């Protein structure tokens, strides 16, 4: 972005999540790059705090993916119902021990609910090995969906009852589809979404600062299963009005693009 700015080009920070920025150089570079943008839009209150700290003007609206159109996923409705989706990603805090915990918990959960488990690697080059590790250990029906089209990814959640997700956009797409969601937070952006939507979940950070005890990682797989069963049985998805409100406000990112570059574009084309 800085190189583009030095060349006199327009730069836009669009629908961003800012942070974590732990190194002084990262903070200085972020402040300089965003401060010289023609426009800045962010997707969460934590990012707005960074902009305010840097005195950079910007706009906050829900993630643009809220307004992304869905597309049909071939074969989804042929799979047995009910369906539960799992979207994990590699991270140092998702240790081998914790992955085994999650797998054991998912096995028990599937036995208790009779659900079909959909394993959804959002970034297959990184996430697929995790899905392939878990699937052979499941006692019931399952399917891996490694979809390249974001609109199909969003459409997948229209046929799902509940989602367990690390990936931010898995949780957003699922919430937008009216699914019950359980978050596994590894990053402030996921924690901000948990707060915004009042999502249940666990924090993978071994020493999370200021995290509610209810979000601390449990000691046993049985505790994880129990929490999932509670959400599956009694969890409340977002209401249609709550979803529509976020969809409408997400379009503010599109309006900003119109204002800055004067082109007619849509969120669906941006993500196709």
C-alpha atoms as a PDB file:
ATOM      1  CA  UNK A   1       0.000   0.000   0.000  1.00  0.00           C
ATOM      2  CA  UNK A   2       2.803   2.393   0.862  1.00  0.00           C
ATOM      3  CA  UNK A   3       4.543   1.703  -2.455  1.00  0.00           C
ATOM      4  CA  UNK A   4       1.267   2.379  -4.283  1.00  0.00           C
ATOM      5  CA  UNK A   5       0.848   5.622  -2.357  1.00  0.00           C
ATOM      6  CA  UNK A   6       4.379   6.719  -3.235  1.00  0.00           C
ATOM      7  CA  UNK A   7       3.498   6.099  -6.899  1.00  0.00           C
ATOM      8  CA  UNK A   8       0.504   8.420  -6.581  1.00  0.00           C
ATOM      9  CA  UNK A   9      -2.146   5.691  -6.813  1.00  0.00           C
ATOM     10  CA  UNK A  10      -5.407   5.662  -4.896  1.00  0.00           C
ATOM     11  CA  UNK A  11      -5.409   3.217  -1.990  1.00  0.00           C
ATOM     12  CA  UNK A  12      -8.433   1.996  -0.049  1.00  0.00           C
ATOM     13  CA  UNK A  13      -8.434  -0.114   3.108  1.00  0.00           C
ATOM     14  CA  UNK A  14     -11.717  -1.928   2.567  1.00  0.00           C
ATOM     15  CA  UNK A  15     -13.602  -3.912   5.211  1.00  0.00           C
ATOM     16  CA  UNK A  16     -10.440  -4.422   7.247  1.00  0.00           C
ATOM     17  CA  UNK A  17      -9.716  -5.940  10.617  1.00  0.00           C
ATOM     18  CA  UNK A  18      -6.716  -4.222  12.237  1.00  0.00           C
ATOM     19  CA  UNK A  19      -4.464  -6.089  14.626  1.00  0.00           C
ATOM     20  CA  UNK A  20      -2.980  -7.681  16.485  1.00  0.00           C
ATOM     21  CA  UNK A  21      -0.031  -5.320  15.980  1.00  0.00           C
ATOM     22  CA  UNK A  22       2.511  -6.267  18.627  1.00  0.00           C
ATOM     23  CA  UNK A  23       5.700  -4.748  17.222  1.00  0.00           C
ATOM     24  CA  UNK A  24       6.386  -0.973  17.125  1.00  0.00           C
ATOM     25  CA  UNK A  25       7.405  -1.220  13.458  1.00  0.00           C
ATOM     26  CA  UNK A  26       4.102  -2.911  12.587  1.00  0.00           C
ATOM     27  CA  UNK A  27       2.150  -0.218  14.398  1.00  0.00           C
ATOM     28  CA  UNK A  28       4.119   2.586  12.730  1.00  0.00           C
ATOM     29  CA  UNK A  29       3.714   1.060   9.275  1.00  0.00           C
ATOM     30  CA  UNK A  30       0.007   0.461   9.833  1.00  0.00           C
ATOM     31  CA  UNK A  31      -0.514   4.021  10.984  1.00  0.00           C
ATOM     32  CA  UNK A  32       1.371   5.450   8.013  1.00  0.00           C
ATOM     33  CA  UNK A  33      -0.322   3.255   5.374  1.00  0.00           C
ATOM     34  CA  UNK A  34      -3.859   3.747   6.675  1.00  0.00           C
ATOM     35  CA  UNK A  35      -3.270   7.419   7.351  1.00  0.00           C
ATOM     36  CA  UNK A  36      -2.437   7.963   3.668  1.00  0.00           C
ATOM     37  CA  UNK A  37      -5.385   5.997   2.264  1.00  0.00           C
ATOM     38  CA  UNK A  38      -8.106   7.732   0.299  1.00  0.00           C
ATOM     39  CA  UNK A  39     -10.657   5.914   2.411  1.00  0.00           C
ATOM     40  CA  UNK A  40     -10.730   3.368   5.224  1.00  0.00           C
ATOM     41  CA  UNK A  41     -13.524   1.038   6.319  1.00  0.00           C
ATOM     42  CA  UNK A  42     -13.234  -1.513   9.111  1.00  0.00           C
ATOM     43  CA  UNK A  43     -15.451  -4.330  10.316  1.00  0.00           C
ATOM     44  CA  UNK A  44     -15.208  -4.274  14.123  1.00  0.00           C
ATOM     45  CA  UNK A  45     -14.968  -1.946  17.097  1.00  0.00           C
ATOM     46  CA  UNK A  46     -11.435  -3.078  17.965  1.00  0.00           C
ATOM     47  CA  UNK A  47     -10.227  -1.849  14.575  1.00  0.00           C
ATOM     48  CA  UNK A  48     -11.989   1.474  15.126  1.00  0.00           C
ATOM     49  CA  UNK A  49     -10.019   1.838  18.367  1.00  0.00           C
ATOM     50  CA  UNK A  50      -6.785   1.598  16.348  1.00  0.00           C
ATOM     51  CA  UNK A  51      -8.031   4.244  13.904  1.00  0.00           C
ATOM     52  CA  UNK A  52      -9.032   6.553  16.751  1.00  0.00           C
ATOM     53  CA  UNK A  53      -5.657   6.067  18.440  1.00  0.00           C
ATOM     54  CA  UNK A  54      -3.926   6.996  15.173  1.00  0.00           C
ATOM     55  CA  UNK A  55      -6.406   9.813  14.411  1.00  0.00           C
ATOM     56  CA  UNK A  56      -7.165   8.209  11.044  1.00  0.00           C
ATOM     57  CA  UNK A  57     -10.693   8.891   9.746  1.00  0.00           C
ATOM     58  CA  UNK A  58     -12.622   5.758   8.925  1.00  0.00           C
ATOM     59  CA  UNK A  59     -15.981   4.038   8.851  1.00  0.00           C
ATOM     60  CA  UNK A  60     -17.151   0.913  10.666  1.00  0.00           C
ATOM     61  CA  UNK A  61     -19.690  -1.499   9.193  1.00  0.00           C
ATOM     62  CA  UNK A  62     -20.263  -5.269   9.431  1.00  0.00           C
ATOM     63  CA  UNK A  63     -17.966  -7.490   7.383  1.00  0.00           C
ATOM     64  CA  UNK A  64     -18.843  -7.306   3.644  1.00  0.00           C
ATOM     65  CA  UNK A  65     -19.400 -11.075   3.635  1.00  0.00           C
ATOM     66  CA  UNK A  66     -22.713 -10.478   5.422  1.00  0.00           C
ATOM     67  CA  UNK A  67     -24.008  -9.075   2.114  1.00  0.00           C
ATOM     68  CA  UNK A  68     -22.445 -11.721  -0.127  1.00  0.00           C
ATOM     69  CA  UNK A  69     -25.000 -13.632  -2.200  1.00  0.00           C
ATOM     70  CA  UNK A  70     -25.262 -17.394  -1.664  1.00  0.00           C
ATOM     71  CA  UNK A  71     -25.008 -20.068  -4.338  1.00  0.00           C
ATOM     72  CA  UNK A  72     -26.297 -23.645  -4.423  1.00  0.00           C
ATOM     73  CA  UNK A  73     -23.941 -26.457  -3.387  1.00  0.00           C
ATOM     74  CA  UNK A  74     -24.339 -29.604  -5.450  1.00  0.00           C
ATOM     75  CA  UNK A  75     -25.120 -32.725  -3.454  1.00  0.00           C
ATOM     76  CA  UNK A  76     -25.635 -30.966  -0.126  1.00  0.00           C
ATOM     77  CA  UNK A  77     -29.294 -31.874   0.212  1.00  0.00           C
ATOM     78  CA  UNK A  78     -28.542 -35.513  -0.601  1.00  0.00           C
ATOM     79  CA  UNK A  79     -26.565 -35.854   2.625  1.00  0.00           C
ATOM     80  CA  UNK A  80     -28.442 -37.039   5.710  1.00  0.00           C
ATOM     81  CA  UNK A  81     -29.878 -34.423   8.049  1.00  0.00           C
ATOM     82  CA  UNK A  82     -29.408 -32.867  10.523  1.00  0.00           C
ATOM     83  CA  UNK A  83     -25.989 -31.496   9.567  1.00  0.00           C
ATOM     84  CA  UNK A  84     -23.274 -29.822  11.617  1.00  0.00           C
ATOM     85  CA  UNK A  85     -20.269 -28.075  10.053  1.00  0.00           C
ATOM     86  CA  UNK A  86     -16.719 -27.796  11.388  1.00  0.00           C
ATOM     87  CA  UNK A  87     -14.259 -25.183  10.058  1.00  0.00           C
ATOM     88  CA  UNK A  88     -10.813 -25.423  11.646  1.00  0.00           C
ATOM     89  CA  UNK A  89      -7.499 -23.903  10.601  1.00  0.00           C
ATOM     90  CA  UNK A  90      -3.905 -24.581  11.684  1.00  0.00           C
ATOM     91  CA  UNK A  91      -2.534 -22.376  14.445  1.00  0.00           C
ATOM     92  CA  UNK A  92       0.180 -22.785  17.098  1.00  0.00           C
ATOM     93  CA  UNK A  93      -2.511 -22.695  19.785  1.00  0.00           C
ATOM     94  CA  UNK A  94      -4.401 -25.553  18.114  1.00  0.00           C
ATOM     95  CA  UNK A  95      -1.905 -28.080  19.408  1.00  0.00           C
ATOM     96  CA  UNK A  96      -1.960 -31.777  18.591  1.00  0.00           C
ATOM     97  CA  UNK A  97      -3.383 -32.415  22.058  1.00  0.00           C
ATOM     98  CA  UNK A  98      -6.202 -29.914  21.527  1.00  0.00           C
ATOM     99  CA  UNK A  99      -6.953 -31.241  18.053  1.00  0.00           C
ATOM    100  CA  UNK A 100      -7.305 -34.718  19.551  1.00  0.00           C
ATOM    101  CA  UNK A 101      -9.563 -33.254  22.242  1.00  0.00           C
ATOM    102  CA  UNK A 102     -11.776 -31.672  19.590  1.00  0.00           C
ATOM    103  CA  UNK A 103     -11.855 -34.902  17.599  1.00  0.00           C
ATOM    104  CA  UNK A 104     -12.859 -36.946  20.648  1.00  0.00           C
ATOM    105  CA  UNK A 105     -15.514 -34.364  21.511  1.00  0.00           C
ATOM    106  CA  UNK A 106     -16.863 -34.441  17.952  1.00  0.00           C
ATOM    107  CA  UNK A 107     -17.052 -38.249  18.005  1.00  0.00           C
ATOM    108  CA  UNK A 108     -19.115 -38.150  21.208  1.00  0.00           C
ATOM    109  CA  UNK A 109     -21.236 -35.292  19.882  1.00  0.00           C
ATOM    110  CA  UNK A 110     -22.029 -37.154  16.673  1.00  0.00           C
ATOM    111  CA  UNK A 111     -22.951 -40.326  18.572  1.00  0.00           C
ATOM    112  CA  UNK A 112     -25.300 -38.332  20.820  1.00  0.00           C
ATOM    113  CA  UNK A 113     -26.998 -36.341  18.049  1.00  0.00           C
ATOM    114  CA  UNK A 114     -26.884 -38.590  14.988  1.00  0.00           C
ATOM    115  CA  UNK A 115     -25.756 -35.647  12.882  1.00  0.00           C
ATOM    116  CA  UNK A 116     -23.898 -35.650   9.585  1.00  0.00           C
ATOM    117  CA  UNK A 117     -20.624 -33.751   9.996  1.00  0.00           C
ATOM    118  CA  UNK A 118     -19.469 -31.450   7.208  1.00  0.00           C
ATOM    119  CA  UNK A 119     -15.753 -30.640   7.357  1.00  0.00           C
ATOM    120  CA  UNK A 120     -15.159 -27.302   5.631  1.00  0.00           C
ATOM    121  CA  UNK A 121     -11.551 -26.294   4.865  1.00  0.00           C
ATOM    122  CA  UNK A 122     -11.897 -22.595   3.965  1.00  0.00           C
ATOM    123  CA  UNK A 123      -8.283 -22.471   2.801  1.00  0.00           C
ATOM    124  CA  UNK A 124      -7.727 -26.018   1.542  1.00  0.00           C
ATOM    125  CA  UNK A 125      -3.941 -25.687   1.189  1.00  0.00           C
ATOM    126  CA  UNK A 126      -3.769 -25.160   4.965  1.00  0.00           C
ATOM    127  CA  UNK A 127      -7.036 -26.511   6.381  1.00  0.00           C
ATOM    128  CA  UNK A 128      -7.560 -29.705   4.375  1.00  0.00           C
ATOM    129  CA  UNK A 129      -5.029 -31.838   6.315  1.00  0.00           C
ATOM    130  CA  UNK A 130      -6.966 -31.133   9.519  1.00  0.00           C
ATOM    131  CA  UNK A 131     -10.240 -32.207   7.908  1.00  0.00           C
ATOM    132  CA  UNK A 132      -8.589 -35.332   6.526  1.00  0.00           C
ATOM    133  CA  UNK A 133      -7.184 -36.140   9.983  1.00  0.00           C
ATOM    134  CA  UNK A 134     -10.597 -35.879  11.655  1.00  0.00           C
ATOM    135  CA  UNK A 135     -12.885 -37.534   9.097  1.00  0.00           C
ATOM    136  CA  UNK A 136     -11.650 -41.173   9.405  1.00  0.00           C
ATOM    137  CA  UNK A 137     -12.165 -41.005  13.166  1.00  0.00           C
ATOM    138  CA  UNK A 138     -15.851 -40.063  12.954  1.00  0.00           C
ATOM    139  CA  UNK A 139     -18.318 -42.894  13.625  1.00  0.00           C
ATOM    140  CA  UNK A 140     -21.162 -41.464  11.537  1.00  0.00           C
ATOM    141  CA  UNK A 141     -21.754 -39.869   8.131  1.00  0.00           C
ATOM    142  CA  UNK A 142     -19.442 -37.049   7.091  1.00  0.00           C
ATOM    143  CA  UNK A 143     -18.299 -35.158   4.025  1.00  0.00           C
ATOM    144  CA  UNK A 144     -15.411 -32.789   3.241  1.00  0.00           C
ATOM    145  CA  UNK A 145     -16.383 -29.683   1.281  1.00  0.00           C
ATOM    146  CA  UNK A 146     -13.322 -27.936  -0.151  1.00  0.00           C
ATOM    147  CA  UNK A 147     -15.132 -25.239  -2.157  1.00  0.00           C
ATOM    148  CA  UNK A 148     -13.329 -22.535  -4.111  1.00  0.00           C
ATOM    149  CA  UNK A 149     -16.327 -20.285  -4.734  1.00  0.00           C
ATOM    150  CA  UNK A 150     -17.090 -18.015  -1.739  1.00  0.00           C
ATOM    151  CA  UNK A 151     -20.759 -17.807  -2.707  1.00  0.00           C
ATOM    152  CA  UNK A 152     -20.999 -21.606  -2.554  1.00  0.00           C
ATOM    153  CA  UNK A 153     -19.230 -21.581   0.783  1.00  0.00           C
ATOM    154  CA  UNK A 154     -21.918 -19.257   2.085  1.00  0.00           C
ATOM    155  CA  UNK A 155     -24.644 -21.342   0.472  1.00  0.00           C
ATOM    156  CA  UNK A 156     -23.358 -24.442   2.241  1.00  0.00           C
ATOM    157  CA  UNK A 157     -24.491 -23.091   5.609  1.00  0.00           C
ATOM    158  CA  UNK A 158     -28.095 -22.817   4.456  1.00  0.00           C
ATOM    159  CA  UNK A 159     -28.281 -26.595   4.898  1.00  0.00           C
ATOM    160  CA  UNK A 160     -26.576 -26.727   8.298  1.00  0.00           C
ATOM    161  CA  UNK A 161     -28.053 -26.659  11.814  1.00  0.00           C
ATOM    162  CA  UNK A 162     -24.929 -25.672  13.755  1.00  0.00           C
ATOM    163  CA  UNK A 163     -21.372 -24.563  13.014  1.00  0.00           C
ATOM    164  CA  UNK A 164     -18.218 -24.977  15.095  1.00  0.00           C
ATOM    165  CA  UNK A 165     -15.675 -22.605  13.638  1.00  0.00           C
ATOM    166  CA  UNK A 166     -12.251 -21.063  13.991  1.00  0.00           C
ATOM    167  CA  UNK A 167     -12.421 -19.302  10.628  1.00  0.00           C
ATOM    168  CA  UNK A 168     -13.957 -15.837  10.973  1.00  0.00           C
ATOM    169  CA  UNK A 169     -15.869 -16.032   7.719  1.00  0.00           C
ATOM    170  CA  UNK A 170     -17.213 -19.482   8.512  1.00  0.00           C
ATOM    171  CA  UNK A 171     -18.849 -17.981  11.590  1.00  0.00           C
ATOM    172  CA  UNK A 172     -20.115 -14.913   9.701  1.00  0.00           C
ATOM    173  CA  UNK A 173     -21.541 -16.989   6.844  1.00  0.00           C
ATOM    174  CA  UNK A 174     -23.145 -19.390   9.293  1.00  0.00           C
ATOM    175  CA  UNK A 175     -24.666 -16.602  11.397  1.00  0.00           C
ATOM    176  CA  UNK A 176     -25.976 -14.929   8.229  1.00  0.00           C
ATOM    177  CA  UNK A 177     -27.623 -18.229   7.249  1.00  0.00           C
ATOM    178  CA  UNK A 178     -29.384 -18.505  10.614  1.00  0.00           C
ATOM    179  CA  UNK A 179     -27.184 -21.261  12.061  1.00  0.00           C
ATOM    180  CA  UNK A 180     -26.357 -21.752  15.693  1.00  0.00           C
ATOM    181  CA  UNK A 181     -22.652 -20.972  16.082  1.00  0.00           C
ATOM    182  CA  UNK A 182     -19.866 -22.005  18.433  1.00  0.00           C
ATOM    183  CA  UNK A 183     -16.600 -20.083  18.058  1.00  0.00           C
ATOM    184  CA  UNK A 184     -13.016 -21.186  18.676  1.00  0.00           C
ATOM    185  CA  UNK A 185     -11.117 -17.904  18.948  1.00  0.00           C
ATOM    186  CA  UNK A 186      -7.444 -17.611  18.030  1.00  0.00           C
ATOM    187  CA  UNK A 187      -7.452 -13.929  17.063  1.00  0.00           C
ATOM    188  CA  UNK A 188      -9.008 -10.618  18.206  1.00  0.00           C
ATOM    189  CA  UNK A 189     -11.197 -10.520  15.080  1.00  0.00           C
ATOM    190  CA  UNK A 190     -12.943 -13.729  16.174  1.00  0.00           C
ATOM    191  CA  UNK A 191     -13.243 -12.480  19.750  1.00  0.00           C
ATOM    192  CA  UNK A 192     -14.783  -9.212  18.498  1.00  0.00           C
ATOM    193  CA  UNK A 193     -17.345 -11.213  16.518  1.00  0.00           C
ATOM    194  CA  UNK A 194     -18.143 -13.329  19.581  1.00  0.00           C
ATOM    195  CA  UNK A 195     -18.826 -10.148  21.535  1.00  0.00           C
ATOM    196  CA  UNK A 196     -20.837  -8.511  18.754  1.00  0.00           C
ATOM    197  CA  UNK A 197     -23.080 -11.538  18.180  1.00  0.00           C
ATOM    198  CA  UNK A 198     -22.982 -12.869  21.765  1.00  0.00           C
ATOM    199  CA  UNK A 199     -21.616 -16.173  20.487  1.00  0.00           C
ATOM    200  CA  UNK A 200     -20.628 -18.992  22.831  1.00  0.00           C
ATOM    201  CA  UNK A 201     -17.155 -20.415  22.384  1.00  0.00           C
ATOM    202  CA  UNK A 202     -13.664 -21.118  23.689  1.00  0.00           C
ATOM    203  CA  UNK A 203     -10.502 -19.034  23.484  1.00  0.00           C
ATOM    204  CA  UNK A 204      -7.439 -20.952  22.309  1.00  0.00           C
ATOM    205  CA  UNK A 205      -5.041 -18.417  23.797  1.00  0.00           C
ATOM    206  CA  UNK A 206      -3.286 -20.211  26.694  1.00  0.00           C
ATOM    207  CA  UNK A 207      -3.227 -16.923  28.624  1.00  0.00           C
ATOM    208  CA  UNK A 208      -6.098 -14.851  27.288  1.00  0.00           C
ATOM    209  CA  UNK A 209      -6.164 -11.315  28.755  1.00  0.00           C
ATOM    210  CA  UNK A 210      -9.490 -10.400  30.302  1.00  0.00           C
ATOM    211  CA  UNK A 211     -11.427 -13.341  28.868  1.00  0.00           C
ATOM    212  CA  UNK A 212     -14.608 -14.519  30.582  1.00  0.00           C
ATOM    213  CA  UNK A 213     -14.060 -17.798  32.426  1.00  0.00           C
ATOM    214  CA  UNK A 214     -16.838 -19.330  30.328  1.00  0.00           C
ATOM    215  CA  UNK A 215     -14.554 -18.963  27.297  1.00  0.00           C
ATOM    216  CA  UNK A 216     -11.490 -20.628  28.810  1.00  0.00           C
ATOM    217  CA  UNK A 217     -10.400 -23.838  27.128  1.00  0.00           C
ATOM    218  CA  UNK A 218     -11.832 -26.832  29.068  1.00  0.00           C
ATOM    219  CA  UNK A 219      -9.729 -29.589  30.548  1.00  0.00           C
ATOM    220  CA  UNK A 220     -11.510 -32.555  28.962  1.00  0.00           C
ATOM    221  CA  UNK A 221     -13.142 -33.574  25.702  1.00  0.00           C
ATOM    222  CA  UNK A 222     -16.278 -34.456  27.680  1.00  0.00           C
ATOM    223  CA  UNK A 223     -16.668 -30.810  28.732  1.00  0.00           C
ATOM    224  CA  UNK A 224     -16.376 -29.691  25.108  1.00  0.00           C
ATOM    225  CA  UNK A 225     -19.021 -32.202  24.034  1.00  0.00           C
ATOM    226  CA  UNK A 226     -21.370 -31.036  26.772  1.00  0.00           C
ATOM    227  CA  UNK A 227     -21.073 -27.390  25.708  1.00  0.00           C
ATOM    228  CA  UNK A 228     -21.749 -28.317  22.090  1.00  0.00           C
ATOM    229  CA  UNK A 229     -24.784 -30.376  23.064  1.00  0.00           C
ATOM    230  CA  UNK A 230     -26.171 -27.434  25.042  1.00  0.00           C
ATOM    231  CA  UNK A 231     -25.839 -25.120  22.043  1.00  0.00           C
ATOM    232  CA  UNK A 232     -27.230 -27.741  19.665  1.00  0.00           C
ATOM    233  CA  UNK A 233     -30.298 -28.259  21.853  1.00  0.00           C
ATOM    234  CA  UNK A 234     -30.936 -24.759  23.168  1.00  0.00           C
ATOM    235  CA  UNK A 235     -28.791 -22.305  21.229  1.00  0.00           C
ATOM    236  CA  UNK A 236     -30.477 -19.345  19.545  1.00  0.00           C
ATOM    237  CA  UNK A 237     -29.482 -18.238  16.044  1.00  0.00           C
ATOM    238  CA  UNK A 238     -29.723 -14.597  15.037  1.00  0.00           C
ATOM    239  CA  UNK A 239     -33.222 -13.426  14.210  1.00  0.00           C
ATOM    240  CA  UNK A 240     -34.084 -12.487  10.609  1.00  0.00           C
ATOM    241  CA  UNK A 241     -34.187  -8.811  11.666  1.00  0.00           C
ATOM    242  CA  UNK A 242     -30.710  -9.042  13.222  1.00  0.00           C
ATOM    243  CA  UNK A 243     -29.349 -10.658  10.068  1.00  0.00           C
ATOM    244  CA  UNK A 244     -30.986  -8.140   7.732  1.00  0.00           C
ATOM    245  CA  UNK A 245     -29.685  -5.236   9.793  1.00  0.00           C
ATOM    246  CA  UNK A 246     -26.111  -6.444   9.350  1.00  0.00           C
ATOM    247  CA  UNK A 247     -26.633  -7.141   5.652  1.00  0.00           C
ATOM    248  CA  UNK A 248     -27.954  -3.615   5.111  1.00  0.00           C
ATOM    249  CA  UNK A 249     -25.120  -1.977   7.042  1.00  0.00           C
ATOM    250  CA  UNK A 250     -22.487  -4.111   5.274  1.00  0.00           C
ATOM    251  CA  UNK A 251     -23.509  -2.360   2.059  1.00  0.00           C
ATOM    252  CA  UNK A 252     -21.886   0.786   3.459  1.00  0.00           C
ATOM    253  CA  UNK A 253     -18.570  -0.650   2.276  1.00  0.00           C
ATOM    254  CA  UNK A 254     -19.931  -0.699  -1.272  1.00  0.00           C
ATOM    255  CA  UNK A 255     -21.121   2.901  -0.944  1.00  0.00           C
ATOM    256  CA  UNK A 256     -17.609   3.904   0.089  1.00  0.00           C
ATOM    257  CA  UNK A 257     -16.177   2.306  -3.054  1.00  0.00           C
ATOM    258  CA  UNK A 258     -18.660   4.224  -5.177  1.00  0.00           C
ATOM    259  CA  UNK A 259     -17.675   7.471  -3.505  1.00  0.00           C
ATOM    260  CA  UNK A 260     -13.927   6.962  -3.871  1.00  0.00           C
ATOM    261  CA  UNK A 261     -13.491   5.322  -7.263  1.00  0.00           C
ATOM    262  CA  UNK A 262     -16.776   6.215  -8.938  1.00  0.00           C
ATOM    263  CA  UNK A 263     -17.355   2.736 -10.327  1.00  0.00           C
ATOM    264  CA  UNK A 264     -20.503   0.658 -10.218  1.00  0.00           C
ATOM    265  CA  UNK A 265     -19.642  -2.536  -8.422  1.00  0.00           C
ATOM    266  CA  UNK A 266     -21.369  -4.994  -6.138  1.00  0.00           C
ATOM    267  CA  UNK A 267     -20.266  -7.077  -3.213  1.00  0.00           C
ATOM    268  CA  UNK A 268     -21.222 -10.233  -5.093  1.00  0.00           C
ATOM    269  CA  UNK A 269     -18.876  -9.367  -7.958  1.00  0.00           C
ATOM    270  CA  UNK A 270     -16.082  -8.421  -5.547  1.00  0.00           C
ATOM    271  CA  UNK A 271     -16.173 -11.934  -4.095  1.00  0.00           C
ATOM    272  CA  UNK A 272     -16.893 -13.948  -7.241  1.00  0.00           C
END
